Amino acid sequence: MLKTRIDGDVQPGFKWGPFIMRIPLIHLRFSLSNMLQGFAVAGATGMALVPYFIALLGLTFEEAVTMAMFHSTLISFSWMFFGDPYAPGWLTPAIPFVVAFITTPAYLGDHIAQFQAMTALSLNFAFILIFLGITGLGAKLINIVPNVFKGGIILGAAVAAFLRVTKDGDAANVFQSAPIAGTLGVLICLVFAFSKPLQAYAADKVWLLKLLGLGLLPGFLVAGTVGYFTGEFQYNIRWEILDVGSATASLWAKASPFAIGWPPVETFVSSFPLALITYILFFGDLVTGNEMIEQVQPSRVDETLELDSSRAHMATGIRNVLMSIVAPFFATQGVLWTGIQVVLLKGWSEGRDKVDSIFDSIGSFYAFGLPLLFVILPFVTLLEPLLPLALAVTLVLTAFACATLALSLVHDATERGAMVITAMAFSVFEPWLGLLVGIIVIVALCGINVFSPKKSELNG
């Protein structure tokens, strides 16, 4: 029986420690449109790293798909067991750093050492997150950061996403690999998500409202169909069911520290700086997610979306610990999938008659925490050609959403200029250098006082 929420309250759930567990069909409803979007977008995106698993780590196709399934399962269960109102995803900007780290001469070709490095990275990162979460220092850090610096981080994510989606040779550059179908798919998804004229036109047209309610799915269907006829997408369907038991056993033997041994101390030491750099990216995602929710919250006074940065730190840390011993590949357990968060929040903001709770949307998008589609190889191989489109769509939506959010955070011309310079530094330099440049620019242009927290922030 569905638990009814009192107007203005947080969605009901079972409290355990600092977390809230919400069970499908008891604490949240089923949303077909969001589940269909999840199958198309999350399914294709979840397989994005399969080629890396095969080429770099020596896994078979079945083992690589199983590893992706474990990553997606941990992501999909995050909202259910921990209670954060975010659509979780990867720490995507960290992945190039991770790949560079495990392809240095010390690790290249030695798959055991590579998996041990992934375990060390994940455990180092988890230690940072859990420490900052338990002590409350992470939440205090989020609260005292000034809007101009938050805006620089968020706008930097927008610029970085746009640069990546247009980069020659990048897997996300669908405009290069499938210019007709890719451009059409991205354009439809962008218009369906953000177009004010289309929303106004659809106000009194039931059929169009229902179509818009499908979110990103129409763009994928149109692009997939057009791509087939233009020859840009090649479908090679495998009519099999994944042998999960066999693939899991062989993956465990190749990757788990319980099978191959734990990382040596020097691996923990050498990987710690990269874990610290990744925390900057995590911090940026958490700031972005909080600002998104705070901006849209006034449109839904019937449901309070409870933000708890300490809880988000601990939840992400726990997922990284679990990932490190089951399917270690660092940066696949982050706090926010920005492009999807904005789509789900937009649908939620349209009213309780459309979506009762944000957790209805998140839960259904992530298939109620059970990504069974990875087991069905016909579905996996059907989505495989759409991978570049899925990456491009999420990056373009991320760029647009982050840009609009960042520009709304500051209203002073000098702060706006400092924010833009900070954003460019974050998008073109390594995270630690971008952080340093941003602080120097903001202090020089806006004064040191912008970093001085108010008493209420220090106490909160």
Protein backbone atom coordinates (compact mmCIF):
# COMPACT_ATOMS: atom_id res chain seq x y z
CA MET A 1 0.00 0.00 0.00
CA LEU A 2 1.38 3.38 -1.00
CA LYS A 3 2.31 5.70 1.86
CA THR A 4 0.63 9.08 1.53
CA ARG A 5 2.73 12.18 1.96
CA ILE A 6 1.39 15.09 3.98
CA ASP A 7 1.63 18.34 2.00
CA GLY A 8 4.92 20.07 2.59
CA ASP A 9 6.66 17.04 4.08
CA VAL A 10 9.53 14.91 2.84
CA GLN A 11 8.46 11.77 0.95
CA PRO A 12 7.88 8.95 3.50
CA GLY A 13 10.44 6.19 3.95
CA PHE A 14 12.19 3.98 6.50
CA LYS A 15 14.81 5.92 8.46
CA TRP A 16 18.07 4.09 9.21
CA GLY A 17 20.83 6.17 10.73
CA PRO A 18 21.33 9.29 8.59
CA PHE A 19 19.70 7.59 5.58
CA ILE A 20 16.13 7.03 4.35
CA MET A 21 15.15 3.87 2.47
CA ARG A 22 12.20 4.07 0.06
CA ILE A 23 10.69 0.87 -1.33
CA PRO A 24 9.10 0.86 -4.81
CA LEU A 25 5.29 0.68 -4.83
CA ILE A 26 5.23 1.44 -1.09
CA HIS A 27 6.98 4.82 -0.94
CA LEU A 28 6.93 5.70 -4.63
CA ARG A 29 4.81 5.14 -7.69
CA PHE A 30 5.62 3.67 -11.08
CA SER A 31 6.15 6.06 -14.02
CA LEU A 32 6.17 4.34 -17.42
CA SER A 33 7.55 7.34 -19.32
CA ASN A 34 10.52 7.68 -16.97
CA MET A 35 11.23 3.96 -17.08
CA LEU A 36 11.25 3.97 -20.88
CA GLN A 37 13.63 6.92 -20.86
CA GLY A 38 15.84 5.06 -18.42
CA PHE A 39 15.97 1.98 -20.62
CA ALA A 40 17.11 4.04 -23.60
CA VAL A 41 19.37 6.64 -21.99
CA ALA A 42 20.71 4.89 -18.88
CA GLY A 43 21.02 1.61 -20.77
CA ALA A 44 23.12 3.05 -23.58
CA THR A 45 25.17 5.31 -21.30
CA GLY A 46 25.79 2.53 -18.80
CA MET A 47 27.63 0.58 -21.49
CA ALA A 48 29.86 3.49 -22.47
CA LEU A 49 32.88 2.07 -20.66
CA VAL A 50 32.52 -1.49 -21.98
CA PRO A 51 35.12 -0.84 -24.75
CA TYR A 52 37.56 0.43 -22.07
CA PHE A 53 36.99 -2.66 -19.94
CA ILE A 54 37.78 -4.90 -22.90
CA ALA A 55 40.70 -2.98 -24.44
CA LEU A 56 42.46 -1.77 -21.28
CA LEU A 57 41.63 -4.38 -18.66
CA GLY A 58 41.52 -7.56 -20.74
CA LEU A 59 37.91 -8.48 -19.97
CA THR A 60 35.68 -10.45 -22.33
CA PHE A 61 32.51 -8.82 -23.68
CA GLU A 62 30.39 -10.78 -21.18
CA GLU A 63 32.63 -9.82 -18.25
CA ALA A 64 32.65 -6.17 -19.35
CA VAL A 65 28.85 -6.04 -19.59
CA THR A 66 28.62 -7.68 -16.15
CA MET A 67 30.97 -5.07 -14.71
CA ALA A 68 28.82 -2.30 -16.22
CA MET A 69 25.76 -4.00 -14.73
CA PHE A 70 27.30 -3.93 -11.24
CA HIS A 71 28.19 -0.25 -11.62
CA SER A 72 24.65 0.58 -12.75
CA THR A 73 23.13 -1.51 -9.97
CA LEU A 74 25.03 0.42 -7.30
CA ILE A 75 23.99 3.70 -8.92
CA SER A 76 20.38 2.53 -9.28
CA PHE A 77 20.10 1.52 -5.62
CA SER A 78 21.57 4.79 -4.31
CA TRP A 79 18.31 6.76 -4.12
CA MET A 80 16.47 3.72 -2.70
CA PHE A 81 18.75 2.96 0.26
CA PHE A 82 20.22 6.37 1.04
CA GLY A 83 17.41 8.81 0.26
CA ASP A 84 19.14 11.63 -1.63
CA PRO A 85 16.89 13.41 -4.17
CA TYR A 86 19.53 13.23 -6.91
CA ALA A 87 19.72 11.25 -10.13
CA PRO A 88 23.13 9.65 -9.49
CA GLY A 89 25.74 8.96 -12.15
CA TRP A 90 29.44 8.86 -12.93
CA LEU A 91 32.12 11.40 -12.12
CA THR A 92 32.63 11.57 -15.87
CA PRO A 93 35.36 14.28 -16.02
CA ALA A 94 37.61 12.10 -13.85
CA ILE A 95 37.56 9.14 -16.23
CA PRO A 96 40.26 10.51 -18.63
CA PHE A 97 42.55 11.04 -15.60
CA VAL A 98 41.83 7.48 -14.44
CA VAL A 99 42.57 5.98 -17.85
CA ALA A 100 45.81 7.96 -18.05
CA PHE A 101 46.75 6.72 -14.56
CA ILE A 102 46.32 3.01 -15.35
CA THR A 103 48.07 3.28 -18.73
CA THR A 104 51.34 4.58 -17.32
CA PRO A 105 54.32 2.19 -17.70
CA ALA A 106 53.86 1.04 -14.09
CA TYR A 107 50.43 -0.44 -14.88
CA LEU A 108 50.04 -0.83 -18.66
CA GLY A 109 49.55 -4.46 -19.62
CA ASP A 110 49.50 -5.67 -16.00
CA HIS A 111 45.78 -6.20 -15.46
CA ILE A 112 46.15 -7.29 -11.82
CA ALA A 113 48.06 -4.08 -11.01
CA GLN A 114 45.45 -2.04 -12.92
CA PHE A 115 42.55 -3.51 -10.95
CA GLN A 116 44.47 -3.04 -7.71
CA ALA A 117 45.00 0.62 -8.68
CA MET A 118 41.25 0.98 -9.25
CA THR A 119 40.56 -0.51 -5.82
CA ALA A 120 43.07 1.83 -4.19
CA LEU A 121 41.58 4.87 -5.94
CA SER A 122 38.05 3.91 -4.90
CA LEU A 123 38.98 3.24 -1.27
CA ASN A 124 40.99 6.48 -1.03
CA PHE A 125 38.06 8.43 -2.45
CA ALA A 126 35.62 6.64 -0.14
CA PHE A 127 37.80 7.50 2.86
CA ILE A 128 37.77 11.20 1.92
CA LEU A 129 33.98 11.22 1.44
CA ILE A 130 33.10 9.24 4.56
CA PHE A 131 35.47 11.27 6.74
CA LEU A 132 34.03 14.58 5.49
CA GLY A 133 30.49 13.18 5.79
CA ILE A 134 30.80 11.84 9.36
CA THR A 135 32.55 14.96 10.64
CA GLY A 136 30.16 17.29 8.83
CA LEU A 137 33.08 19.17 7.28
CA GLY A 138 31.83 18.44 3.75
CA ALA A 139 28.46 20.06 4.45
CA LYS A 140 30.10 23.10 6.05
CA LEU A 141 32.38 23.45 3.03
CA ILE A 142 29.37 23.37 0.69
CA ASN A 143 27.59 26.04 2.76
CA ILE A 144 30.41 28.56 3.03
CA VAL A 145 31.43 28.60 -0.65
CA PRO A 146 30.27 31.93 -2.15
CA ASN A 147 27.87 32.02 -5.09
CA VAL A 148 30.49 33.47 -7.44
CA PHE A 149 32.72 30.44 -6.83
CA LYS A 150 29.79 27.99 -7.04
CA GLY A 151 28.83 29.65 -10.32
CA GLY A 152 32.38 29.27 -11.63
CA ILE A 153 32.39 25.55 -10.83
CA ILE A 154 28.96 24.98 -12.39
CA LEU A 155 29.67 27.07 -15.50
CA GLY A 156 33.01 25.27 -15.83
CA ALA A 157 31.08 22.00 -16.00
CA ALA A 158 28.95 23.50 -18.77
CA VAL A 159 31.97 24.58 -20.83
CA ALA A 160 33.75 21.26 -20.27
CA ALA A 161 30.67 19.30 -21.36
CA PHE A 162 30.31 21.36 -24.52
CA LEU A 163 34.02 21.05 -25.36
CA ARG A 164 33.90 17.29 -24.91
CA VAL A 165 30.82 16.74 -27.04
CA THR A 166 32.44 18.62 -29.95
CA LYS A 167 35.94 17.16 -29.57
CA ASP A 168 37.28 15.38 -32.65
CA GLY A 169 37.68 11.67 -32.14
CA ASP A 170 35.82 11.59 -28.80
CA ALA A 171 33.27 8.82 -28.32
CA ALA A 172 30.68 11.47 -27.48
CA ASN A 173 31.11 13.30 -30.80
CA VAL A 174 28.02 11.89 -32.46
CA PHE A 175 28.03 14.95 -34.75
CA GLN A 176 31.13 13.46 -36.37
CA SER A 177 30.22 9.76 -36.34
CA ALA A 178 26.52 10.18 -37.18
CA PRO A 179 25.97 13.79 -38.27
CA ILE A 180 22.40 13.43 -39.53
CA ALA A 181 20.84 11.11 -36.94
CA GLY A 182 22.98 12.45 -34.09
CA THR A 183 22.20 16.12 -34.74
CA LEU A 184 18.49 15.35 -35.12
CA GLY A 185 18.38 13.30 -31.91
CA VAL A 186 20.23 15.87 -29.81
CA LEU A 187 18.09 18.71 -31.18
CA ILE A 188 14.82 16.91 -30.43
CA CYS A 189 15.94 16.06 -26.89
CA LEU A 190 17.08 19.64 -26.24
CA VAL A 191 13.84 21.14 -27.58
CA PHE A 192 11.65 18.69 -25.68
CA ALA A 193 13.52 19.45 -22.45
CA PHE A 194 13.80 23.25 -22.58
CA SER A 195 11.80 24.91 -25.39
CA LYS A 196 9.45 27.57 -23.98
CA PRO A 197 7.57 28.05 -27.29
CA LEU A 198 6.90 24.33 -27.54
CA GLN A 199 5.67 24.19 -23.93
CA ALA A 200 3.34 27.12 -24.56
CA TYR A 201 2.03 25.58 -27.80
CA ALA A 202 1.38 22.27 -26.05
CA ALA A 203 -0.59 23.83 -23.19
CA ASP A 204 -4.00 23.00 -24.71
CA LYS A 205 -3.00 19.96 -26.82
CA VAL A 206 -3.32 16.70 -24.91
CA TRP A 207 -1.48 14.57 -27.49
CA LEU A 208 1.52 16.89 -27.50
CA LEU A 209 1.62 17.05 -23.71
CA LYS A 210 1.71 13.24 -23.61
CA LEU A 211 4.51 13.23 -26.19
CA LEU A 212 6.49 15.79 -24.19
CA GLY A 213 5.92 13.65 -21.12
CA LEU A 214 8.07 10.96 -22.72
CA GLY A 215 11.07 13.25 -22.23
CA LEU A 216 14.17 12.09 -24.12
CA LEU A 217 12.67 8.91 -25.54
CA PRO A 218 11.23 10.43 -28.78
CA GLY A 219 14.64 11.87 -29.67
CA PHE A 220 16.26 8.45 -29.30
CA LEU A 221 13.55 6.70 -31.32
CA VAL A 222 13.77 9.22 -34.15
CA ALA A 223 17.58 9.21 -34.19
CA GLY A 224 17.78 5.42 -34.00
CA THR A 225 15.37 5.03 -36.92
CA VAL A 226 16.94 7.73 -39.08
CA GLY A 227 20.42 6.41 -38.29
CA TYR A 228 19.44 2.94 -39.49
CA PHE A 229 18.22 4.23 -42.87
CA THR A 230 21.19 6.58 -43.35
CA GLY A 231 23.61 3.79 -42.43
CA GLU A 232 25.07 5.82 -39.55
CA PHE A 233 23.97 3.24 -36.96
CA GLN A 234 24.75 -0.44 -37.53
CA TYR A 235 22.71 -2.92 -35.48
CA ASN A 236 24.20 -6.34 -34.76
CA ILE A 237 21.68 -8.05 -32.50
CA ARG A 238 22.79 -11.01 -30.36
CA TRP A 239 19.81 -13.21 -29.46
CA GLU A 240 21.15 -14.49 -26.15
CA ILE A 241 20.72 -14.08 -22.42
CA LEU A 242 23.84 -13.14 -20.47
CA ASP A 243 25.14 -15.97 -18.29
CA VAL A 244 25.44 -13.76 -15.22
CA GLY A 245 26.72 -16.48 -12.90
CA SER A 246 29.60 -17.51 -15.12
CA ALA A 247 30.52 -13.93 -16.06
CA THR A 248 30.41 -12.81 -12.42
CA ALA A 249 32.65 -15.66 -11.29
CA SER A 250 35.26 -14.95 -13.97
CA LEU A 251 35.08 -11.17 -13.33
CA TRP A 252 35.55 -11.76 -9.59
CA ALA A 253 38.61 -13.92 -10.27
CA LYS A 254 40.16 -11.22 -12.47
CA ALA A 255 39.21 -8.04 -10.58
CA SER A 256 38.23 -8.45 -6.92
CA PRO A 257 40.93 -7.76 -4.31
CA PHE A 258 39.68 -10.85 -2.48
CA ALA A 259 40.85 -12.90 -5.48
CA ILE A 260 43.88 -11.01 -6.83
CA GLY A 261 45.15 -9.49 -3.58
CA TRP A 262 44.84 -6.04 -2.05
CA PRO A 263 46.77 -3.06 -3.44
CA PRO A 264 50.23 -2.49 -1.96
CA VAL A 265 50.78 0.58 0.21
CA GLU A 266 52.66 2.40 -2.56
CA THR A 267 49.60 2.10 -4.83
CA PHE A 268 47.41 3.73 -2.17
CA VAL A 269 49.97 6.51 -1.81
CA SER A 270 50.44 7.15 -5.54
CA SER A 271 46.69 7.18 -6.22
CA PHE A 272 45.71 9.51 -3.35
CA PRO A 273 46.32 12.78 -5.28
CA LEU A 274 43.93 11.63 -8.02
CA ALA A 275 41.32 10.82 -5.38
CA LEU A 276 41.69 14.36 -4.01
CA ILE A 277 41.32 15.84 -7.50
CA THR A 278 38.18 13.77 -8.00
CA TYR A 279 36.74 15.18 -4.78
CA ILE A 280 36.81 18.62 -6.42
CA LEU A 281 34.64 17.19 -9.20
CA PHE A 282 32.32 15.55 -6.64
CA PHE A 283 32.07 18.87 -4.82
CA GLY A 284 31.09 20.61 -8.05
CA ASP A 285 28.39 18.03 -8.79
CA LEU A 286 26.97 18.33 -5.27
CA VAL A 287 26.88 22.12 -5.51
CA THR A 288 25.14 21.85 -8.90
CA GLY A 289 22.56 19.35 -7.62
CA ASN A 290 21.73 21.44 -4.56
CA GLU A 291 21.38 24.65 -6.55
CA MET A 292 19.12 22.93 -9.10
CA ILE A 293 16.81 21.68 -6.37
CA GLU A 294 16.77 24.97 -4.47
CA GLN A 295 15.76 26.84 -7.64
CA VAL A 296 12.88 24.51 -8.51
CA GLN A 297 11.68 23.80 -4.93
CA PRO A 298 9.33 26.85 -4.76
CA SER A 299 7.26 25.37 -7.60
CA ARG A 300 6.36 22.32 -5.47
CA VAL A 301 5.42 23.33 -1.93
CA ASP A 302 3.69 19.96 -1.45
CA GLU A 303 7.00 18.03 -1.29
CA THR A 304 10.16 19.14 0.45
CA LEU A 305 13.31 17.79 -1.16
CA GLU A 306 15.62 17.33 1.79
CA LEU A 307 19.23 18.27 1.05
CA ASP A 308 21.85 16.76 3.32
CA SER A 309 25.40 17.12 2.03
CA SER A 310 26.85 14.94 4.81
CA ARG A 311 24.49 12.14 3.85
CA ALA A 312 25.44 12.51 0.17
CA HIS A 313 29.13 12.26 1.10
CA MET A 314 28.61 9.08 3.11
CA ALA A 315 26.27 7.46 0.58
CA THR A 316 28.69 8.00 -2.30
CA GLY A 317 31.55 6.79 -0.13
CA ILE A 318 29.75 3.56 0.72
CA ARG A 319 29.01 2.90 -2.96
CA ASN A 320 32.68 3.39 -3.79
CA VAL A 321 33.70 0.87 -1.12
CA LEU A 322 31.27 -1.72 -2.52
CA MET A 323 32.38 -1.05 -6.08
CA SER A 324 36.05 -1.37 -5.14
CA ILE A 325 35.65 -4.99 -4.02
CA VAL A 326 33.13 -6.22 -6.61
CA ALA A 327 33.85 -4.44 -9.91
CA PRO A 328 36.64 -1.89 -9.42
CA PHE A 329 36.66 0.87 -12.01
CA PHE A 330 37.06 4.27 -10.41
CA ALA A 331 34.82 7.30 -11.08
CA THR A 332 31.71 5.25 -11.91
CA GLN A 333 30.09 6.06 -8.53
CA GLY A 334 29.27 9.77 -8.31
CA VAL A 335 26.52 11.85 -6.78
CA LEU A 336 24.79 13.43 -9.81
CA TRP A 337 23.89 12.83 -13.45
CA THR A 338 23.29 16.48 -14.28
CA GLY A 339 21.58 16.07 -17.66
CA ILE A 340 19.05 13.59 -16.27
CA GLN A 341 18.55 15.51 -13.02
CA VAL A 342 17.37 18.55 -14.94
CA VAL A 343 14.93 16.48 -17.03
CA LEU A 344 13.44 14.73 -13.99
CA LEU A 345 13.20 17.96 -11.98
CA LYS A 346 11.46 19.67 -14.87
CA GLY A 347 8.76 17.01 -14.98
CA TRP A 348 8.42 17.11 -11.18
CA SER A 349 8.06 20.92 -11.19
CA GLU A 350 4.93 20.71 -13.36
CA GLY A 351 2.82 19.68 -10.39
CA ARG A 352 1.65 16.82 -8.22
CA ASP A 353 -0.96 15.79 -10.79
CA LYS A 354 1.93 15.04 -13.18
CA VAL A 355 4.45 13.51 -10.74
CA ASP A 356 3.55 12.85 -7.10
CA SER A 357 7.14 12.67 -5.85
CA ILE A 358 10.59 13.22 -7.33
CA PHE A 359 11.34 9.68 -6.19
CA ASP A 360 8.63 8.37 -8.55
CA SER A 361 10.68 9.81 -11.41
CA ILE A 362 14.12 8.81 -10.13
CA GLY A 363 13.02 5.32 -9.10
CA SER A 364 11.30 4.59 -12.40
CA PHE A 365 14.15 6.03 -14.48
CA TYR A 366 16.56 3.66 -12.73
CA ALA A 367 14.16 0.72 -13.17
CA PHE A 368 13.49 0.54 -9.43
CA GLY A 369 17.13 -0.35 -8.81
CA LEU A 370 17.11 -3.49 -10.99
CA PRO A 371 18.96 -2.89 -14.30
CA LEU A 372 17.87 -6.22 -15.75
CA LEU A 373 18.32 -4.94 -19.29
CA PHE A 374 22.05 -5.75 -19.05
CA VAL A 375 21.15 -9.44 -18.89
CA ILE A 376 19.11 -9.28 -22.10
CA LEU A 377 21.80 -9.21 -24.79
CA PRO A 378 19.36 -8.41 -27.64
CA PHE A 379 18.55 -5.19 -25.78
CA VAL A 380 22.20 -4.52 -24.95
CA THR A 381 23.32 -4.94 -28.56
CA LEU A 382 20.32 -2.91 -29.81
CA LEU A 383 21.41 0.04 -27.67
CA GLU A 384 25.12 -0.31 -28.42
CA PRO A 385 25.09 1.85 -31.60
CA LEU A 386 23.20 4.58 -29.72
CA LEU A 387 26.02 5.01 -27.21
CA PRO A 388 27.50 8.15 -28.87
CA LEU A 389 24.01 9.68 -28.99
CA ALA A 390 23.35 8.95 -25.30
CA LEU A 391 26.65 10.57 -24.29
CA ALA A 392 26.06 13.58 -26.53
CA VAL A 393 22.51 14.14 -25.26
CA THR A 394 23.53 14.03 -21.61
CA LEU A 395 26.50 16.33 -22.23
CA VAL A 396 24.46 18.90 -24.18
CA LEU A 397 21.68 18.89 -21.58
CA THR A 398 24.31 19.21 -18.86
CA ALA A 399 25.94 22.15 -20.63
CA PHE A 400 22.63 24.00 -21.08
CA ALA A 401 21.33 23.34 -17.57
CA CYS A 402 24.63 24.24 -15.87
CA ALA A 403 25.00 27.44 -17.90
CA THR A 404 21.51 28.71 -17.07
CA LEU A 405 21.93 27.80 -13.41
CA ALA A 406 25.36 29.43 -13.05
CA LEU A 407 24.27 32.66 -14.70
CA SER A 408 21.36 32.96 -12.26
CA LEU A 409 23.60 32.76 -9.17
CA VAL A 410 25.33 36.14 -9.52
CA HIS A 411 23.95 39.56 -10.37
CA ASP A 412 27.03 41.75 -9.98
CA ALA A 413 28.95 42.43 -13.23
CA THR A 414 32.38 41.99 -11.63
CA GLU A 415 31.38 38.71 -10.00
CA ARG A 416 29.93 37.54 -13.31
CA GLY A 417 33.25 38.23 -15.04
CA ALA A 418 35.21 36.47 -12.29
CA MET A 419 32.82 33.54 -12.56
CA VAL A 420 33.43 33.20 -16.31
CA ILE A 421 37.23 33.25 -15.87
CA THR A 422 36.94 30.65 -13.09
CA ALA A 423 34.75 28.50 -15.35
CA MET A 424 37.27 28.64 -18.17
CA ALA A 425 40.06 27.67 -15.76
CA PHE A 426 38.07 24.64 -14.56
CA SER A 427 37.27 23.56 -18.10
CA VAL A 428 40.77 23.80 -19.62
CA PHE A 429 43.08 22.97 -16.69
CA GLU A 430 43.30 19.99 -14.37
CA PRO A 431 40.81 20.32 -11.47
CA TRP A 432 43.38 21.31 -8.80
CA LEU A 433 44.88 24.01 -11.05
CA GLY A 434 41.41 25.27 -12.01
CA LEU A 435 40.59 25.51 -8.30
CA LEU A 436 43.73 27.53 -7.61
CA VAL A 437 43.19 29.91 -10.55
CA GLY A 438 39.53 30.41 -9.58
CA ILE A 439 40.37 31.32 -5.98
CA ILE A 440 43.10 33.76 -7.06
CA VAL A 441 40.85 35.46 -9.66
CA ILE A 442 37.86 35.78 -7.32
CA VAL A 443 39.98 37.15 -4.45
CA ALA A 444 41.72 39.62 -6.79
CA LEU A 445 38.51 40.87 -8.45
CA CYS A 446 35.85 40.47 -5.76
CA GLY A 447 37.84 40.66 -2.54
CA ILE A 448 38.67 38.12 0.15
CA ASN A 449 35.42 38.91 2.00
CA VAL A 450 33.37 36.81 -0.44
CA PHE A 451 34.94 33.74 1.18
CA SER A 452 34.07 34.87 4.71
CA PRO A 453 31.17 32.72 5.97
CA LYS A 454 28.33 34.23 7.94
CA LYS A 455 27.82 33.05 11.50
CA SER A 456 24.66 31.20 10.52
CA GLU A 457 26.61 29.25 7.91
CA LEU A 458 29.34 28.32 10.37
CA ASN A 459 26.76 27.12 12.86
CA GLY A 460 24.60 25.33 10.28
